[in-house]
Amino acid sequence: MNSLAEVTLDEEGVAVVAHVRGEVDLSNVEEIRTVLVDAVSHQTECLILDLTSTTYLDSTGVRLVFELAERLQGRRQQLRLVVDDQAVIGRVITLTQLDQRVPLSTTVEEAVQALDRG
């Protein structure tokens, strides 16, 4: 994967947690898309996208998140974002109204607990 970003995957019950560290931009968005799409099986109920260590998210990264949300919804699966209150990319998420399309949590644990309640 492009050295600007690293994606690591964990399983939390019926959810896949994708931790994205670094920068997401035009140079690596296709590689990240492939990793995320391949990580979600038909048995997965939710993809939790942990962006707490994401330092940059350009318009192609935002478009990727919107596309993931639409794709998962069509498969009756969920997408949840994890963004720290102090995150650099928080402003991008607010300005693009991504937070109105995809549920936000401030920690992975909070996102997993929201699944258990939902």
N, C-alpha and C. Protein backbone atom coordinates (compact mmCIF):
# COMPACT_ATOMS: atom_id res chain seq x y z
N MET A 1 0.85 -1.19 0.00
CA MET A 1 0.00 0.00 0.00
C MET A 1 0.88 1.24 0.00
N ASN A 2 0.39 2.30 -0.55
CA ASN A 2 1.08 3.58 -0.59
C ASN A 2 1.54 3.95 0.82
N SER A 3 2.73 4.48 0.93
CA SER A 3 3.28 4.79 2.24
C SER A 3 2.56 5.93 2.95
N LEU A 4 1.69 6.63 2.27
CA LEU A 4 0.94 7.70 2.92
C LEU A 4 -0.08 7.18 3.92
N ALA A 5 -0.57 5.96 3.72
CA ALA A 5 -1.61 5.42 4.59
C ALA A 5 -1.39 3.95 4.84
N GLU A 6 -1.90 3.50 5.97
CA GLU A 6 -1.86 2.09 6.33
C GLU A 6 -3.24 1.72 6.86
N VAL A 7 -3.75 0.58 6.40
CA VAL A 7 -5.04 0.09 6.87
C VAL A 7 -4.79 -1.24 7.57
N THR A 8 -5.25 -1.33 8.82
CA THR A 8 -5.19 -2.60 9.54
C THR A 8 -6.62 -2.99 9.89
N LEU A 9 -6.86 -4.28 9.93
CA LEU A 9 -8.22 -4.79 10.14
C LEU A 9 -8.29 -5.63 11.41
N ASP A 10 -9.38 -5.47 12.14
CA ASP A 10 -9.70 -6.28 13.32
C ASP A 10 -11.15 -6.70 13.22
N GLU A 11 -11.48 -7.78 13.90
CA GLU A 11 -12.88 -8.20 13.99
C GLU A 11 -13.38 -7.94 15.40
N GLU A 12 -14.57 -7.40 15.48
CA GLU A 12 -15.25 -7.16 16.76
C GLU A 12 -16.64 -7.79 16.63
N GLY A 13 -16.74 -9.07 16.89
CA GLY A 13 -18.02 -9.76 16.73
C GLY A 13 -18.44 -9.77 15.29
N VAL A 14 -19.61 -9.18 15.00
CA VAL A 14 -20.15 -9.15 13.64
C VAL A 14 -19.66 -7.94 12.84
N ALA A 15 -18.72 -7.19 13.42
CA ALA A 15 -18.20 -6.00 12.76
C ALA A 15 -16.73 -6.18 12.37
N VAL A 16 -16.36 -5.54 11.28
CA VAL A 16 -14.96 -5.42 10.89
C VAL A 16 -14.55 -3.99 11.20
N VAL A 17 -13.44 -3.85 11.92
CA VAL A 17 -12.91 -2.52 12.24
C VAL A 17 -11.70 -2.29 11.36
N ALA A 18 -11.77 -1.23 10.56
CA ALA A 18 -10.66 -0.85 9.70
C ALA A 18 -10.03 0.42 10.26
N HIS A 19 -8.80 0.31 10.71
CA HIS A 19 -8.06 1.45 11.26
C HIS A 19 -7.25 2.06 10.12
N VAL A 20 -7.54 3.30 9.78
CA VAL A 20 -6.84 3.98 8.69
C VAL A 20 -5.90 5.01 9.30
N ARG A 21 -4.61 4.79 9.09
CA ARG A 21 -3.59 5.70 9.63
C ARG A 21 -2.91 6.43 8.48
N GLY A 22 -2.78 7.74 8.64
CA GLY A 22 -2.07 8.52 7.62
C GLY A 22 -3.00 9.33 6.75
N GLU A 23 -2.60 9.52 5.52
CA GLU A 23 -3.31 10.38 4.58
C GLU A 23 -4.06 9.57 3.52
N VAL A 24 -5.29 9.98 3.26
CA VAL A 24 -6.10 9.36 2.21
C VAL A 24 -6.32 10.42 1.14
N ASP A 25 -5.79 10.13 -0.05
CA ASP A 25 -5.94 11.08 -1.15
C ASP A 25 -5.99 10.33 -2.48
N LEU A 26 -5.96 11.06 -3.55
CA LEU A 26 -6.06 10.48 -4.88
C LEU A 26 -5.00 9.42 -5.15
N SER A 27 -3.84 9.56 -4.55
CA SER A 27 -2.74 8.64 -4.83
C SER A 27 -2.95 7.24 -4.24
N ASN A 28 -3.81 7.12 -3.23
CA ASN A 28 -3.97 5.81 -2.59
C ASN A 28 -5.42 5.38 -2.35
N VAL A 29 -6.37 6.18 -2.77
CA VAL A 29 -7.77 5.88 -2.45
C VAL A 29 -8.24 4.56 -3.07
N GLU A 30 -7.75 4.21 -4.26
CA GLU A 30 -8.17 2.96 -4.89
C GLU A 30 -7.66 1.75 -4.12
N GLU A 31 -6.43 1.83 -3.63
CA GLU A 31 -5.89 0.73 -2.83
C GLU A 31 -6.68 0.57 -1.52
N ILE A 32 -7.00 1.69 -0.91
CA ILE A 32 -7.77 1.65 0.34
C ILE A 32 -9.17 1.09 0.07
N ARG A 33 -9.80 1.53 -1.01
CA ARG A 33 -11.12 1.02 -1.39
C ARG A 33 -11.08 -0.50 -1.51
N THR A 34 -10.09 -1.02 -2.21
CA THR A 34 -9.97 -2.46 -2.41
C THR A 34 -9.85 -3.20 -1.08
N VAL A 35 -9.00 -2.71 -0.20
CA VAL A 35 -8.82 -3.35 1.11
C VAL A 35 -10.14 -3.36 1.88
N LEU A 36 -10.84 -2.23 1.90
CA LEU A 36 -12.08 -2.13 2.67
C LEU A 36 -13.20 -3.00 2.09
N VAL A 37 -13.36 -2.97 0.78
CA VAL A 37 -14.41 -3.78 0.14
C VAL A 37 -14.13 -5.26 0.35
N ASP A 38 -12.88 -5.66 0.19
CA ASP A 38 -12.52 -7.07 0.37
C ASP A 38 -12.68 -7.54 1.82
N ALA A 39 -12.61 -6.62 2.76
CA ALA A 39 -12.69 -6.98 4.18
C ALA A 39 -14.10 -7.32 4.64
N VAL A 40 -15.10 -6.89 3.87
CA VAL A 40 -16.50 -7.05 4.29
C VAL A 40 -17.13 -8.24 3.57
N SER A 41 -17.41 -9.30 4.34
CA SER A 41 -18.09 -10.46 3.78
C SER A 41 -19.60 -10.28 3.91
N HIS A 42 -20.33 -11.23 3.39
CA HIS A 42 -21.79 -11.16 3.50
C HIS A 42 -22.25 -11.37 4.94
N GLN A 43 -21.42 -11.98 5.77
CA GLN A 43 -21.77 -12.20 7.17
C GLN A 43 -21.48 -10.99 8.05
N THR A 44 -20.73 -10.05 7.54
CA THR A 44 -20.39 -8.84 8.29
C THR A 44 -21.63 -7.96 8.40
N GLU A 45 -21.94 -7.53 9.62
CA GLU A 45 -23.09 -6.63 9.80
C GLU A 45 -22.70 -5.17 9.68
N CYS A 46 -21.43 -4.87 10.01
CA CYS A 46 -21.02 -3.47 10.02
C CYS A 46 -19.53 -3.34 9.74
N LEU A 47 -19.20 -2.30 9.00
CA LEU A 47 -17.81 -1.88 8.83
C LEU A 47 -17.64 -0.63 9.68
N ILE A 48 -16.73 -0.71 10.63
CA ILE A 48 -16.41 0.45 11.46
C ILE A 48 -15.11 1.02 10.92
N LEU A 49 -15.18 2.22 10.42
CA LEU A 49 -14.03 2.88 9.82
C LEU A 49 -13.43 3.82 10.86
N ASP A 50 -12.31 3.39 11.44
CA ASP A 50 -11.64 4.16 12.49
C ASP A 50 -10.70 5.17 11.84
N LEU A 51 -11.10 6.44 11.89
CA LEU A 51 -10.33 7.51 11.28
C LEU A 51 -9.60 8.36 12.32
N THR A 52 -9.46 7.85 13.53
CA THR A 52 -8.82 8.64 14.59
C THR A 52 -7.35 8.93 14.29
N SER A 53 -6.71 8.10 13.49
CA SER A 53 -5.31 8.33 13.13
C SER A 53 -5.14 8.78 11.68
N THR A 54 -6.24 9.19 11.07
CA THR A 54 -6.19 9.70 9.70
C THR A 54 -5.88 11.19 9.78
N THR A 55 -4.79 11.59 9.15
CA THR A 55 -4.34 12.97 9.26
C THR A 55 -4.80 13.86 8.10
N TYR A 56 -5.25 13.24 7.02
CA TYR A 56 -5.69 14.01 5.85
C TYR A 56 -6.71 13.19 5.08
N LEU A 57 -7.77 13.85 4.64
CA LEU A 57 -8.82 13.20 3.87
C LEU A 57 -9.26 14.17 2.79
N ASP A 58 -8.89 13.89 1.54
CA ASP A 58 -9.28 14.81 0.48
C ASP A 58 -10.65 14.42 -0.08
N SER A 59 -11.05 15.09 -1.15
CA SER A 59 -12.39 14.85 -1.70
C SER A 59 -12.57 13.41 -2.19
N THR A 60 -11.51 12.78 -2.68
CA THR A 60 -11.64 11.39 -3.12
C THR A 60 -11.86 10.46 -1.92
N GLY A 61 -11.27 10.79 -0.79
CA GLY A 61 -11.49 10.02 0.43
C GLY A 61 -12.91 10.17 0.95
N VAL A 62 -13.41 11.40 0.89
CA VAL A 62 -14.80 11.65 1.30
C VAL A 62 -15.75 10.89 0.38
N ARG A 63 -15.50 10.94 -0.93
CA ARG A 63 -16.33 10.22 -1.89
C ARG A 63 -16.30 8.72 -1.60
N LEU A 64 -15.14 8.20 -1.24
CA LEU A 64 -15.02 6.78 -0.89
C LEU A 64 -15.94 6.43 0.28
N VAL A 65 -15.97 7.26 1.29
CA VAL A 65 -16.83 6.97 2.45
C VAL A 65 -18.30 7.01 2.05
N PHE A 66 -18.70 7.99 1.25
CA PHE A 66 -20.08 8.04 0.77
C PHE A 66 -20.42 6.78 -0.04
N GLU A 67 -19.49 6.35 -0.91
CA GLU A 67 -19.71 5.16 -1.73
C GLU A 67 -19.81 3.90 -0.87
N LEU A 68 -18.97 3.80 0.15
CA LEU A 68 -19.04 2.65 1.05
C LEU A 68 -20.37 2.60 1.77
N ALA A 69 -20.84 3.76 2.22
CA ALA A 69 -22.13 3.81 2.92
C ALA A 69 -23.26 3.33 2.02
N GLU A 70 -23.25 3.78 0.77
CA GLU A 70 -24.29 3.38 -0.18
C GLU A 70 -24.19 1.88 -0.50
N ARG A 71 -22.99 1.40 -0.73
CA ARG A 71 -22.78 -0.01 -1.05
C ARG A 71 -23.25 -0.91 0.09
N LEU A 72 -22.86 -0.56 1.31
CA LEU A 72 -23.23 -1.38 2.46
C LEU A 72 -24.73 -1.32 2.73
N GLN A 73 -25.31 -0.16 2.58
CA GLN A 73 -26.76 -0.04 2.78
C GLN A 73 -27.51 -0.93 1.80
N GLY A 74 -27.04 -0.98 0.56
CA GLY A 74 -27.66 -1.85 -0.45
C GLY A 74 -27.56 -3.32 -0.10
N ARG A 75 -26.59 -3.67 0.72
CA ARG A 75 -26.41 -5.06 1.16
C ARG A 75 -26.98 -5.28 2.57
N ARG A 76 -27.71 -4.31 3.08
CA ARG A 76 -28.30 -4.36 4.43
C ARG A 76 -27.22 -4.50 5.50
N GLN A 77 -26.14 -3.78 5.28
CA GLN A 77 -25.05 -3.70 6.23
C GLN A 77 -24.86 -2.24 6.61
N GLN A 78 -24.10 -2.01 7.67
CA GLN A 78 -23.92 -0.65 8.16
C GLN A 78 -22.48 -0.19 8.00
N LEU A 79 -22.33 1.13 7.97
CA LEU A 79 -21.03 1.77 8.05
C LEU A 79 -21.10 2.74 9.22
N ARG A 80 -20.08 2.72 10.05
CA ARG A 80 -19.95 3.66 11.15
C ARG A 80 -18.56 4.25 11.11
N LEU A 81 -18.46 5.53 11.43
CA LEU A 81 -17.17 6.20 11.47
C LEU A 81 -16.75 6.46 12.90
N VAL A 82 -15.47 6.36 13.15
CA VAL A 82 -14.91 6.73 14.44
C VAL A 82 -13.96 7.89 14.19
N VAL A 83 -14.32 9.04 14.78
CA VAL A 83 -13.54 10.26 14.62
C VAL A 83 -13.46 10.94 15.97
N ASP A 84 -12.25 11.14 16.44
CA ASP A 84 -12.03 11.82 17.71
C ASP A 84 -12.52 13.26 17.61
N ASP A 85 -13.02 13.80 18.73
CA ASP A 85 -13.51 15.18 18.74
C ASP A 85 -12.46 16.18 18.28
N GLN A 86 -11.21 15.90 18.55
CA GLN A 86 -10.12 16.82 18.20
C GLN A 86 -9.46 16.49 16.86
N ALA A 87 -10.02 15.56 16.11
CA ALA A 87 -9.40 15.10 14.87
C ALA A 87 -9.28 16.22 13.84
N VAL A 88 -8.18 16.21 13.15
CA VAL A 88 -7.92 17.18 12.08
C VAL A 88 -8.99 17.07 11.00
N ILE A 89 -9.42 15.85 10.70
CA ILE A 89 -10.37 15.65 9.60
C ILE A 89 -11.83 15.89 10.02
N GLY A 90 -12.05 16.17 11.29
CA GLY A 90 -13.41 16.42 11.76
C GLY A 90 -14.11 17.53 11.02
N ARG A 91 -13.38 18.57 10.71
CA ARG A 91 -13.96 19.71 9.98
C ARG A 91 -14.39 19.29 8.57
N VAL A 92 -13.58 18.47 7.91
CA VAL A 92 -13.92 17.98 6.58
C VAL A 92 -15.22 17.17 6.63
N ILE A 93 -15.33 16.34 7.63
CA ILE A 93 -16.53 15.50 7.77
C ILE A 93 -17.77 16.35 8.00
N THR A 94 -17.63 17.41 8.79
CA THR A 94 -18.75 18.31 9.04
C THR A 94 -19.11 19.13 7.79
N LEU A 95 -18.10 19.68 7.14
CA LEU A 95 -18.35 20.52 5.95
C LEU A 95 -18.99 19.75 4.81
N THR A 96 -18.64 18.49 4.67
CA THR A 96 -19.20 17.67 3.59
C THR A 96 -20.52 17.00 3.99
N GLN A 97 -20.93 17.22 5.22
CA GLN A 97 -22.16 16.64 5.79
C GLN A 97 -22.12 15.11 5.82
N LEU A 98 -20.92 14.57 5.83
CA LEU A 98 -20.75 13.13 5.95
C LEU A 98 -21.32 12.63 7.26
N ASP A 99 -21.23 13.47 8.29
CA ASP A 99 -21.76 13.10 9.61
C ASP A 99 -23.28 12.97 9.62
N GLN A 100 -23.95 13.52 8.61
CA GLN A 100 -25.40 13.37 8.51
C GLN A 100 -25.79 12.10 7.78
N ARG A 101 -24.85 11.50 7.08
CA ARG A 101 -25.11 10.28 6.30
C ARG A 101 -24.65 9.02 7.02
N VAL A 102 -23.56 9.15 7.78
CA VAL A 102 -22.95 8.00 8.44
C VAL A 102 -22.85 8.30 9.94
N PRO A 103 -23.32 7.38 10.79
CA PRO A 103 -23.21 7.59 12.24
C PRO A 103 -21.76 7.73 12.69
N LEU A 104 -21.53 8.68 13.60
CA LEU A 104 -20.20 8.93 14.12
C LEU A 104 -20.11 8.51 15.58
N SER A 105 -18.96 7.99 15.95
CA SER A 105 -18.62 7.71 17.33
C SER A 105 -17.24 8.30 17.58
N THR A 106 -16.88 8.47 18.85
CA THR A 106 -15.56 9.02 19.14
C THR A 106 -14.54 7.93 19.47
N THR A 107 -15.01 6.71 19.73
CA THR A 107 -14.11 5.58 19.97
C THR A 107 -14.66 4.33 19.28
N VAL A 108 -13.79 3.38 19.02
CA VAL A 108 -14.23 2.11 18.44
C VAL A 108 -15.19 1.41 19.40
N GLU A 109 -14.87 1.45 20.70
CA GLU A 109 -15.72 0.81 21.69
C GLU A 109 -17.14 1.37 21.67
N GLU A 110 -17.24 2.68 21.53
CA GLU A 110 -18.55 3.34 21.45
C GLU A 110 -19.31 2.88 20.21
N ALA A 111 -18.63 2.74 19.09
CA ALA A 111 -19.26 2.28 17.84
C ALA A 111 -19.75 0.85 17.98
N VAL A 112 -18.95 -0.01 18.60
CA VAL A 112 -19.35 -1.41 18.81
C VAL A 112 -20.55 -1.47 19.75
N GLN A 113 -20.54 -0.70 20.81
CA GLN A 113 -21.67 -0.67 21.75
C GLN A 113 -22.95 -0.18 21.06
N ALA A 114 -22.82 0.78 20.16
CA ALA A 114 -23.99 1.28 19.42
C ALA A 114 -24.58 0.18 18.57
N LEU A 115 -23.76 -0.72 18.04
CA LEU A 115 -24.26 -1.87 17.27
C LEU A 115 -25.04 -2.80 18.17
N ASP A 116 -24.52 -3.05 19.35
CA ASP A 116 -25.19 -3.95 20.29
C ASP A 116 -26.55 -3.43 20.70
N ARG A 117 -26.69 -2.10 20.77
CA ARG A 117 -27.97 -1.50 21.16
C ARG A 117 -28.93 -1.43 19.99
N GLY A 118 -28.38 -1.37 18.77
CA GLY A 118 -29.20 -1.15 17.59
C GLY A 118 -29.84 -2.39 17.12
